[in-house]
Structures are given as C-alpha cells and as structure tokens.
C-alpha cells in the first residue's frame, strides 16, 4: 500500500500575447531520466491562501511580482498523485490564469531543489505541446488552455528562453 504525503499547491498558467504558456522542464532527482514540462507554482506554506502561494511561487520562479488579488479566482482545480525524490504525494492544486504581453523569465529565485531539478523553460502553444510527444502536466493542459480561450496555433516561433 502506497502512503501519500498530502500537499496543497497553487500553479499559474502564465500566457503571453502570442497565446503561449510558460512551462518549466523538470525531472525527478530520484529518476533523472523521467523528464516532463510543468507550470510555475508549487506547495503552499501553512495557512497560505492559494492566490498568495501562486503569487509567491511566480515571483520565485519567474521574477514576476504581483499582488495575489491580480490573479483573481482559480480557473481549474484538481488532485494528482505523484512521486518526487522518493516521496509519494497526493496534491490538491488550484490553477490561476495570468495573461501578460510578454515576460523575460528570471530564475534567480529558484530554491535548492528547483536548481537541481529544473533544466530549462519554454513558451508553448497548446498544439505544440500535443504534437511534441513530450510529457507535460497537467495532461489536460492543452484542452484547458483552449477552453480558456487560448489560440491553439499561431505564427509564434516557440523559441526557448
């Protein structure tokens, strides 16, 4: 029987004017070959609201600072189970949508585990994600972005930062 560590998290769908979502390329230190793409965000501190946690994580991981109220209400919530660095988690998470004209990602605020488990970042269109064959989380991300009114394709080059 798997014992799960409960975890609350908040994540941000950071979308630029070209309709691309920012994702980080990460890997599990216990399984370095298990690579995947994921949204900015992470675990909440005790008694921290999801919006406050999302804003804090966004600042730490991208350098983008904002008032938590600017995030509005979550656009999606789910519960997921995963293993990371030898620990199994059951994570309940809220996703916030934030649209920006553009953003130059600054990862200087990464903590130790982020520095050791994140290989890079990229802005993705939903159709690019689907066509890439890459693993990404949440798996529903392209459908979610389309539901939120994001274009699925554009003339963007999808360049990494």
N, C-alpha and C. Protein backbone atom coordinates (compact mmCIF):
# COMPACT_ATOMS: atom_id res chain seq x y z
N UNK A 1 0.84 -1.19 0.00
CA UNK A 1 0.00 0.00 0.00
C UNK A 1 0.88 1.25 0.00
N UNK A 2 0.60 2.16 -0.91
CA UNK A 2 1.35 3.41 -1.00
C UNK A 2 0.83 4.40 0.02
N UNK A 3 1.74 5.00 0.77
CA UNK A 3 1.39 6.04 1.72
C UNK A 3 1.70 7.38 1.07
N UNK A 4 0.70 8.23 0.99
CA UNK A 4 0.84 9.54 0.34
C UNK A 4 1.03 10.64 1.37
N UNK A 5 1.90 11.58 1.05
CA UNK A 5 2.04 12.80 1.83
C UNK A 5 1.07 13.82 1.24
N UNK A 6 0.13 14.32 2.04
CA UNK A 6 -0.80 15.32 1.50
C UNK A 6 -0.07 16.64 1.26
N UNK A 7 -0.45 17.32 0.18
CA UNK A 7 0.19 18.58 -0.17
C UNK A 7 -0.82 19.48 -0.86
N UNK A 8 -0.85 20.74 -0.48
CA UNK A 8 -1.67 21.75 -1.16
C UNK A 8 -0.73 22.57 -2.02
N UNK A 9 -1.18 22.91 -3.22
CA UNK A 9 -0.33 23.66 -4.14
C UNK A 9 -1.17 24.66 -4.94
N UNK A 10 -0.48 25.62 -5.52
CA UNK A 10 -1.09 26.59 -6.43
C UNK A 10 -0.16 26.75 -7.62
N UNK A 11 -0.75 26.83 -8.81
CA UNK A 11 0.03 26.89 -10.04
C UNK A 11 -0.51 28.03 -10.90
N UNK A 12 0.33 28.52 -11.81
CA UNK A 12 -0.06 29.64 -12.65
C UNK A 12 0.08 29.26 -14.12
N UNK A 13 -0.98 29.49 -14.87
CA UNK A 13 -0.94 29.38 -16.32
C UNK A 13 -0.55 30.77 -16.81
N UNK A 14 0.74 30.98 -17.01
CA UNK A 14 1.26 32.28 -17.45
C UNK A 14 1.26 32.27 -18.97
N UNK A 15 0.40 33.10 -19.59
CA UNK A 15 0.18 33.08 -21.02
C UNK A 15 0.56 34.44 -21.61
N UNK A 16 1.39 34.41 -22.67
CA UNK A 16 1.81 35.67 -23.31
C UNK A 16 0.84 36.07 -24.42
N UNK A 17 1.10 37.24 -25.04
CA UNK A 17 0.21 37.78 -26.06
C UNK A 17 0.11 36.88 -27.29
N UNK A 18 1.10 36.03 -27.52
CA UNK A 18 1.07 35.10 -28.65
C UNK A 18 0.26 33.84 -28.33
N UNK A 19 -0.27 33.75 -27.10
CA UNK A 19 -1.08 32.60 -26.70
C UNK A 19 -0.26 31.43 -26.21
N UNK A 20 1.02 31.67 -25.90
CA UNK A 20 1.90 30.61 -25.43
C UNK A 20 1.89 30.57 -23.90
N UNK A 21 1.97 29.37 -23.35
CA UNK A 21 2.02 29.18 -21.91
C UNK A 21 3.46 28.86 -21.51
N UNK A 22 3.90 29.42 -20.39
CA UNK A 22 5.25 29.16 -19.90
C UNK A 22 5.27 27.84 -19.15
N UNK A 23 6.21 26.97 -19.52
CA UNK A 23 6.40 25.71 -18.82
C UNK A 23 7.88 25.53 -18.50
N UNK A 24 8.14 24.89 -17.38
CA UNK A 24 9.49 24.51 -16.99
C UNK A 24 9.72 23.05 -17.35
N UNK A 25 10.95 22.74 -17.76
CA UNK A 25 11.32 21.35 -18.00
C UNK A 25 12.01 20.83 -16.74
N UNK A 26 11.40 19.84 -16.14
CA UNK A 26 11.95 19.31 -14.90
C UNK A 26 12.17 17.83 -14.95
N UNK A 27 12.75 17.33 -13.88
CA UNK A 27 12.96 15.89 -13.73
C UNK A 27 13.01 15.57 -12.25
N UNK A 28 12.71 14.34 -11.95
CA UNK A 28 12.72 13.84 -10.57
C UNK A 28 14.16 13.46 -10.23
N UNK A 29 14.77 14.06 -9.19
CA UNK A 29 16.15 13.70 -8.84
C UNK A 29 16.35 12.21 -8.60
N UNK A 30 15.30 11.52 -8.15
CA UNK A 30 15.41 10.08 -7.93
C UNK A 30 15.29 9.29 -9.24
N UNK A 31 14.78 9.95 -10.28
CA UNK A 31 14.63 9.32 -11.60
C UNK A 31 15.01 10.36 -12.67
N UNK A 32 16.30 10.68 -12.82
CA UNK A 32 16.72 11.77 -13.72
C UNK A 32 16.27 11.61 -15.17
N UNK A 33 16.00 10.40 -15.61
CA UNK A 33 15.54 10.19 -16.97
C UNK A 33 14.07 10.49 -17.18
N UNK A 34 13.33 10.68 -16.08
CA UNK A 34 11.90 10.97 -16.16
C UNK A 34 11.72 12.48 -16.30
N UNK A 35 11.72 12.96 -17.53
CA UNK A 35 11.62 14.40 -17.82
C UNK A 35 10.18 14.77 -18.12
N UNK A 36 9.82 16.00 -17.80
CA UNK A 36 8.46 16.47 -18.03
C UNK A 36 8.43 18.00 -17.99
N UNK A 37 7.36 18.57 -18.52
CA UNK A 37 7.13 20.02 -18.52
C UNK A 37 5.99 20.32 -17.55
N UNK A 38 6.10 21.44 -16.84
CA UNK A 38 5.07 21.79 -15.85
C UNK A 38 4.97 23.30 -15.70
N UNK A 39 3.86 23.73 -15.15
CA UNK A 39 3.58 25.16 -14.97
C UNK A 39 4.30 25.72 -13.75
N UNK A 40 4.56 27.03 -13.71
CA UNK A 40 5.09 27.64 -12.49
C UNK A 40 4.14 27.40 -11.33
N UNK A 41 4.69 27.27 -10.15
CA UNK A 41 3.88 27.09 -8.95
C UNK A 41 4.49 26.05 -8.05
N UNK A 42 3.81 25.78 -6.96
CA UNK A 42 4.33 24.79 -6.03
C UNK A 42 3.53 24.74 -4.75
N UNK A 43 4.11 24.09 -3.76
CA UNK A 43 3.45 23.87 -2.49
C UNK A 43 3.17 25.14 -1.72
N UNK A 44 2.05 25.12 -1.01
CA UNK A 44 1.66 26.26 -0.18
C UNK A 44 2.30 26.16 1.20
N UNK A 45 2.65 27.30 1.75
CA UNK A 45 3.10 27.37 3.14
C UNK A 45 1.88 27.18 4.05
N UNK A 46 2.08 26.77 5.31
CA UNK A 46 0.95 26.62 6.22
C UNK A 46 0.12 27.92 6.29
N UNK A 47 -1.18 27.79 6.20
CA UNK A 47 -2.14 28.89 6.29
C UNK A 47 -2.06 29.87 5.12
N UNK A 48 -1.27 29.59 4.10
CA UNK A 48 -1.16 30.46 2.93
C UNK A 48 -2.33 30.20 1.99
N UNK A 49 -2.93 31.25 1.48
CA UNK A 49 -4.04 31.08 0.53
C UNK A 49 -3.47 30.64 -0.82
N UNK A 50 -4.29 29.97 -1.64
CA UNK A 50 -3.81 29.58 -2.96
C UNK A 50 -3.32 30.77 -3.79
N UNK A 51 -4.03 31.89 -3.78
CA UNK A 51 -3.60 33.06 -4.57
C UNK A 51 -2.27 33.61 -4.05
N UNK A 52 -2.11 33.67 -2.73
CA UNK A 52 -0.85 34.16 -2.16
C UNK A 52 0.30 33.22 -2.51
N UNK A 53 0.05 31.92 -2.44
CA UNK A 53 1.08 30.94 -2.78
C UNK A 53 1.45 31.00 -4.25
N UNK A 54 0.44 31.15 -5.11
CA UNK A 54 0.70 31.25 -6.55
C UNK A 54 1.54 32.49 -6.86
N UNK A 55 1.20 33.62 -6.24
CA UNK A 55 1.96 34.85 -6.47
C UNK A 55 3.39 34.71 -5.95
N UNK A 56 3.56 34.09 -4.79
CA UNK A 56 4.91 33.88 -4.23
C UNK A 56 5.73 32.98 -5.14
N UNK A 57 5.14 31.86 -5.55
CA UNK A 57 5.86 30.93 -6.42
C UNK A 57 6.20 31.57 -7.76
N UNK A 58 5.29 32.37 -8.32
CA UNK A 58 5.54 33.04 -9.59
C UNK A 58 6.73 33.98 -9.46
N UNK A 59 6.79 34.72 -8.36
CA UNK A 59 7.93 35.63 -8.14
C UNK A 59 9.23 34.85 -8.00
N UNK A 60 9.21 33.77 -7.23
CA UNK A 60 10.42 32.97 -7.01
C UNK A 60 10.91 32.31 -8.29
N UNK A 61 9.99 31.81 -9.09
CA UNK A 61 10.38 31.00 -10.25
C UNK A 61 10.54 31.78 -11.55
N UNK A 62 9.90 32.95 -11.65
CA UNK A 62 9.97 33.71 -12.91
C UNK A 62 10.42 35.16 -12.74
N UNK A 63 10.45 35.65 -11.49
CA UNK A 63 10.78 37.05 -11.25
C UNK A 63 9.60 37.99 -11.41
N UNK A 64 8.45 37.49 -11.80
CA UNK A 64 7.25 38.32 -12.00
C UNK A 64 6.55 38.51 -10.66
N UNK A 65 6.51 39.75 -10.20
CA UNK A 65 5.90 40.05 -8.91
C UNK A 65 4.56 40.74 -9.12
N UNK A 66 3.56 40.29 -8.36
CA UNK A 66 2.24 40.89 -8.44
C UNK A 66 1.49 40.68 -7.14
N UNK A 67 0.44 41.45 -6.96
CA UNK A 67 -0.43 41.30 -5.81
C UNK A 67 -1.28 40.05 -6.05
N UNK A 68 -1.44 39.18 -5.05
CA UNK A 68 -2.25 37.97 -5.24
C UNK A 68 -3.65 38.26 -5.78
N UNK A 69 -4.22 39.41 -5.45
CA UNK A 69 -5.56 39.75 -5.93
C UNK A 69 -5.61 39.85 -7.46
N UNK A 70 -4.47 40.16 -8.09
CA UNK A 70 -4.42 40.27 -9.54
C UNK A 70 -4.66 38.93 -10.24
N UNK A 71 -4.52 37.84 -9.51
CA UNK A 71 -4.74 36.52 -10.09
C UNK A 71 -6.21 36.15 -10.21
N UNK A 72 -7.06 36.83 -9.44
CA UNK A 72 -8.49 36.50 -9.47
C UNK A 72 -8.75 35.15 -8.86
N UNK A 73 -9.80 34.50 -9.32
CA UNK A 73 -10.18 33.17 -8.83
C UNK A 73 -9.48 32.08 -9.63
N UNK A 74 -9.31 30.91 -9.05
CA UNK A 74 -8.74 29.80 -9.82
C UNK A 74 -9.62 29.47 -11.03
N UNK A 75 -8.98 29.07 -12.13
CA UNK A 75 -9.71 28.68 -13.33
C UNK A 75 -9.88 27.17 -13.41
N UNK A 76 -9.16 26.45 -12.55
CA UNK A 76 -9.25 24.99 -12.55
C UNK A 76 -8.62 24.47 -11.28
N UNK A 77 -9.12 23.34 -10.80
CA UNK A 77 -8.55 22.67 -9.63
C UNK A 77 -8.55 21.17 -9.89
N UNK A 78 -7.58 20.49 -9.32
CA UNK A 78 -7.57 19.04 -9.41
C UNK A 78 -6.75 18.45 -8.28
N UNK A 79 -6.78 17.13 -8.20
CA UNK A 79 -5.94 16.39 -7.26
C UNK A 79 -5.14 15.40 -8.07
N UNK A 80 -3.86 15.33 -7.79
CA UNK A 80 -2.96 14.45 -8.52
C UNK A 80 -2.08 13.69 -7.54
N UNK A 81 -1.64 12.53 -7.95
CA UNK A 81 -0.73 11.72 -7.13
C UNK A 81 0.55 11.50 -7.92
N UNK A 82 1.69 11.70 -7.27
CA UNK A 82 2.97 11.55 -7.96
C UNK A 82 4.07 11.27 -6.95
N UNK A 83 5.19 10.78 -7.47
CA UNK A 83 6.37 10.58 -6.65
C UNK A 83 7.42 11.61 -7.05
N UNK A 84 8.12 12.13 -6.06
CA UNK A 84 9.22 13.07 -6.33
C UNK A 84 10.29 12.85 -5.28
N UNK A 85 11.48 12.58 -5.74
CA UNK A 85 12.64 12.37 -4.87
C UNK A 85 12.38 11.32 -3.80
N UNK A 86 11.65 10.26 -4.20
CA UNK A 86 11.42 9.13 -3.31
C UNK A 86 10.21 9.24 -2.40
N UNK A 87 9.45 10.33 -2.49
CA UNK A 87 8.26 10.52 -1.65
C UNK A 87 7.03 10.56 -2.54
N UNK A 88 5.98 9.85 -2.13
CA UNK A 88 4.70 9.90 -2.84
C UNK A 88 3.85 11.02 -2.27
N UNK A 89 3.26 11.83 -3.17
CA UNK A 89 2.41 12.95 -2.77
C UNK A 89 1.02 12.78 -3.35
N UNK A 90 0.03 13.24 -2.60
CA UNK A 90 -1.34 13.45 -3.11
C UNK A 90 -1.54 14.96 -3.00
N UNK A 91 -1.52 15.61 -4.15
CA UNK A 91 -1.51 17.08 -4.19
C UNK A 91 -2.84 17.61 -4.71
N UNK A 92 -3.47 18.45 -3.91
CA UNK A 92 -4.65 19.20 -4.32
C UNK A 92 -4.15 20.57 -4.76
N UNK A 93 -4.49 20.96 -6.00
CA UNK A 93 -3.91 22.19 -6.53
C UNK A 93 -4.94 23.03 -7.26
N UNK A 94 -4.75 24.35 -7.14
CA UNK A 94 -5.56 25.33 -7.86
C UNK A 94 -4.68 25.97 -8.93
N UNK A 95 -5.28 26.21 -10.10
CA UNK A 95 -4.59 26.86 -11.21
C UNK A 95 -5.19 28.24 -11.44
N UNK A 96 -4.31 29.23 -11.59
CA UNK A 96 -4.71 30.60 -11.88
C UNK A 96 -4.22 30.96 -13.28
N UNK A 97 -5.00 31.76 -14.00
CA UNK A 97 -4.62 32.23 -15.33
C UNK A 97 -4.12 33.66 -15.22
N UNK A 98 -2.94 33.92 -15.76
CA UNK A 98 -2.40 35.27 -15.81
C UNK A 98 -1.91 35.54 -17.22
N UNK A 99 -2.49 36.54 -17.84
CA UNK A 99 -2.07 36.94 -19.19
C UNK A 99 -1.10 38.11 -19.09
N UNK A 100 -0.01 38.02 -19.85
CA UNK A 100 0.98 39.09 -19.91
C UNK A 100 1.27 39.38 -21.38
N UNK A 101 1.70 40.58 -21.67
CA UNK A 101 2.10 40.90 -23.04
C UNK A 101 3.30 40.03 -23.42
N UNK A 102 4.29 40.05 -22.55
CA UNK A 102 5.48 39.19 -22.68
C UNK A 102 6.16 39.19 -21.32
N UNK A 103 7.12 38.30 -21.14
CA UNK A 103 7.86 38.27 -19.88
C UNK A 103 9.21 37.61 -20.09
N UNK A 104 10.26 38.24 -19.62
CA UNK A 104 11.60 37.68 -19.64
C UNK A 104 11.79 36.93 -18.32
N UNK A 105 11.81 35.63 -18.37
CA UNK A 105 11.86 34.80 -17.18
C UNK A 105 13.20 34.97 -16.46
N UNK A 106 13.10 35.17 -15.14
CA UNK A 106 14.28 35.30 -14.27
C UNK A 106 14.18 34.20 -13.22
N UNK A 107 15.08 33.22 -13.28
CA UNK A 107 15.03 32.09 -12.37
C UNK A 107 15.99 32.24 -11.18
N UNK A 108 16.45 33.45 -10.92
CA UNK A 108 17.38 33.69 -9.81
C UNK A 108 16.77 33.31 -8.46
N UNK A 109 15.45 33.27 -8.36
CA UNK A 109 14.78 32.94 -7.10
C UNK A 109 14.58 31.46 -6.87
N UNK A 110 15.08 30.60 -7.76
CA UNK A 110 14.94 29.16 -7.57
C UNK A 110 15.54 28.73 -6.25
N UNK A 111 14.84 27.84 -5.53
CA UNK A 111 15.42 27.26 -4.32
C UNK A 111 16.34 26.10 -4.71
N UNK A 112 16.92 25.45 -3.73
CA UNK A 112 17.90 24.40 -4.00
C UNK A 112 17.33 23.26 -4.84
N UNK A 113 16.16 22.76 -4.49
CA UNK A 113 15.59 21.63 -5.24
C UNK A 113 15.22 22.05 -6.65
N UNK A 114 14.76 23.28 -6.84
CA UNK A 114 14.45 23.77 -8.19
C UNK A 114 15.73 23.87 -9.02
N UNK A 115 16.80 24.35 -8.41
CA UNK A 115 18.07 24.44 -9.12
C UNK A 115 18.56 23.07 -9.56
N UNK A 116 18.28 22.05 -8.74
CA UNK A 116 18.76 20.69 -9.04
C UNK A 116 17.82 19.88 -9.92
N UNK A 117 16.57 20.35 -10.11
CA UNK A 117 15.61 19.51 -10.83
C UNK A 117 14.91 20.21 -12.00
N UNK A 118 15.31 21.43 -12.34
CA UNK A 118 14.72 22.14 -13.48
C UNK A 118 15.82 22.42 -14.50
N UNK A 119 15.60 21.92 -15.71
CA UNK A 119 16.63 22.01 -16.76
C UNK A 119 16.46 23.23 -17.67
N UNK A 120 15.28 23.84 -17.69
CA UNK A 120 15.05 24.98 -18.57
C UNK A 120 13.59 25.36 -18.59
N UNK A 121 13.26 26.26 -19.50
CA UNK A 121 11.88 26.69 -19.66
C UNK A 121 11.62 27.04 -21.11
N UNK A 122 10.35 27.09 -21.45
CA UNK A 122 9.94 27.39 -22.82
C UNK A 122 8.50 27.87 -22.82
N UNK A 123 8.18 28.71 -23.78
CA UNK A 123 6.80 29.14 -24.02
C UNK A 123 6.22 28.21 -25.10
N UNK A 124 5.07 27.59 -24.81
CA UNK A 124 4.45 26.60 -25.69
C UNK A 124 3.05 27.02 -26.12
N UNK A 125 2.70 26.76 -27.38
CA UNK A 125 1.32 26.82 -27.83
C UNK A 125 0.68 25.46 -27.52
N UNK A 126 -0.62 25.42 -27.25
CA UNK A 126 -1.26 24.14 -26.95
C UNK A 126 -1.01 23.07 -28.01
N UNK A 127 -1.13 23.41 -29.29
CA UNK A 127 -0.91 22.42 -30.35
C UNK A 127 0.53 21.93 -30.38
N UNK A 128 1.48 22.80 -30.05
CA UNK A 128 2.88 22.39 -30.00
C UNK A 128 3.09 21.33 -28.92
N UNK A 129 2.45 21.52 -27.79
CA UNK A 129 2.54 20.54 -26.71
C UNK A 129 2.05 19.17 -27.17
N UNK A 130 0.88 19.16 -27.77
CA UNK A 130 0.28 17.91 -28.23
C UNK A 130 1.18 17.24 -29.26
N UNK A 131 1.69 18.01 -30.22
CA UNK A 131 2.49 17.45 -31.31
C UNK A 131 3.90 17.06 -30.87
N UNK A 132 4.36 17.60 -29.75
CA UNK A 132 5.75 17.40 -29.34
C UNK A 132 6.08 15.98 -28.90
N UNK A 133 5.09 15.27 -28.40
CA UNK A 133 5.36 13.96 -27.83
C UNK A 133 6.01 14.04 -26.46
N UNK A 134 6.20 15.25 -25.95
CA UNK A 134 6.80 15.45 -24.63
C UNK A 134 5.76 15.14 -23.55
N UNK A 135 6.24 14.78 -22.36
CA UNK A 135 5.38 14.57 -21.19
C UNK A 135 5.17 15.95 -20.54
N UNK A 136 3.92 16.27 -20.22
CA UNK A 136 3.63 17.54 -19.55
C UNK A 136 2.51 17.34 -18.55
N UNK A 137 2.49 18.21 -17.57
CA UNK A 137 1.49 18.15 -16.51
C UNK A 137 0.89 19.53 -16.30
N UNK A 138 -0.41 19.63 -16.10
CA UNK A 138 -1.35 18.51 -16.13
C UNK A 138 -1.57 18.03 -17.57
N UNK A 139 -1.93 16.78 -17.71
CA UNK A 139 -2.15 16.20 -19.04
C UNK A 139 -3.28 16.91 -19.78
N UNK A 140 -4.18 17.53 -19.04
CA UNK A 140 -5.33 18.24 -19.62
C UNK A 140 -4.97 19.65 -20.08
N UNK A 141 -3.71 20.06 -19.95
CA UNK A 141 -3.32 21.45 -20.21
C UNK A 141 -3.76 21.98 -21.57
N UNK A 142 -3.52 21.32 -22.69
CA UNK A 142 -3.96 21.89 -23.97
C UNK A 142 -5.48 22.12 -24.04
N UNK A 143 -6.25 21.17 -23.53
CA UNK A 143 -7.71 21.31 -23.53
C UNK A 143 -8.12 22.46 -22.61
N UNK A 144 -7.49 22.55 -21.46
CA UNK A 144 -7.79 23.63 -20.52
C UNK A 144 -7.50 24.99 -21.14
N UNK A 145 -6.35 25.14 -21.77
CA UNK A 145 -5.99 26.42 -22.40
C UNK A 145 -6.97 26.79 -23.51
N UNK A 146 -7.37 25.80 -24.30
CA UNK A 146 -8.34 26.06 -25.36
C UNK A 146 -9.68 26.49 -24.77
N UNK A 147 -10.09 25.83 -23.71
CA UNK A 147 -11.35 26.19 -23.03
C UNK A 147 -11.29 27.62 -22.49
N UNK A 148 -10.10 28.05 -22.08
CA UNK A 148 -9.92 29.39 -21.53
C UNK A 148 -9.75 30.45 -22.62
N UNK A 149 -9.90 30.03 -23.89
CA UNK A 149 -9.86 31.00 -24.99
C UNK A 149 -8.49 31.23 -25.58
N UNK A 150 -7.56 30.33 -25.35
CA UNK A 150 -6.23 30.48 -25.94
C UNK A 150 -6.25 29.93 -27.36
N UNK A 151 -5.57 30.60 -28.29
CA UNK A 151 -5.45 30.00 -29.62
C UNK A 151 -4.59 28.74 -29.52
N UNK A 152 -4.85 27.78 -30.38
CA UNK A 152 -4.07 26.54 -30.34
C UNK A 152 -2.83 26.64 -31.19
N UNK A 153 -2.85 27.50 -32.22
CA UNK A 153 -1.68 27.71 -33.07
C UNK A 153 -1.53 29.19 -33.33
N UNK A 154 -0.34 29.59 -33.70
CA UNK A 154 -0.07 30.99 -34.04
C UNK A 154 1.21 31.04 -34.83
N UNK A 155 1.57 32.21 -35.25
CA UNK A 155 2.79 32.41 -36.01
C UNK A 155 4.01 32.52 -35.13
N UNK A 156 3.86 32.22 -33.84
CA UNK A 156 4.98 32.34 -32.90
C UNK A 156 6.03 31.27 -33.21
N UNK A 157 7.27 31.56 -32.92
CA UNK A 157 8.34 30.62 -33.20
C UNK A 157 8.55 29.59 -32.10
N UNK A 158 7.94 29.78 -30.92
CA UNK A 158 8.06 28.81 -29.83
C UNK A 158 9.48 28.70 -29.29
N UNK A 159 10.27 29.71 -29.49
CA UNK A 159 11.67 29.65 -29.05
C UNK A 159 11.79 29.52 -27.55
N UNK A 160 12.82 28.85 -27.13
CA UNK A 160 13.10 28.76 -25.71
C UNK A 160 13.73 30.06 -25.25
N UNK A 161 13.65 30.28 -23.97
CA UNK A 161 14.23 31.50 -23.40
C UNK A 161 15.61 31.22 -22.86
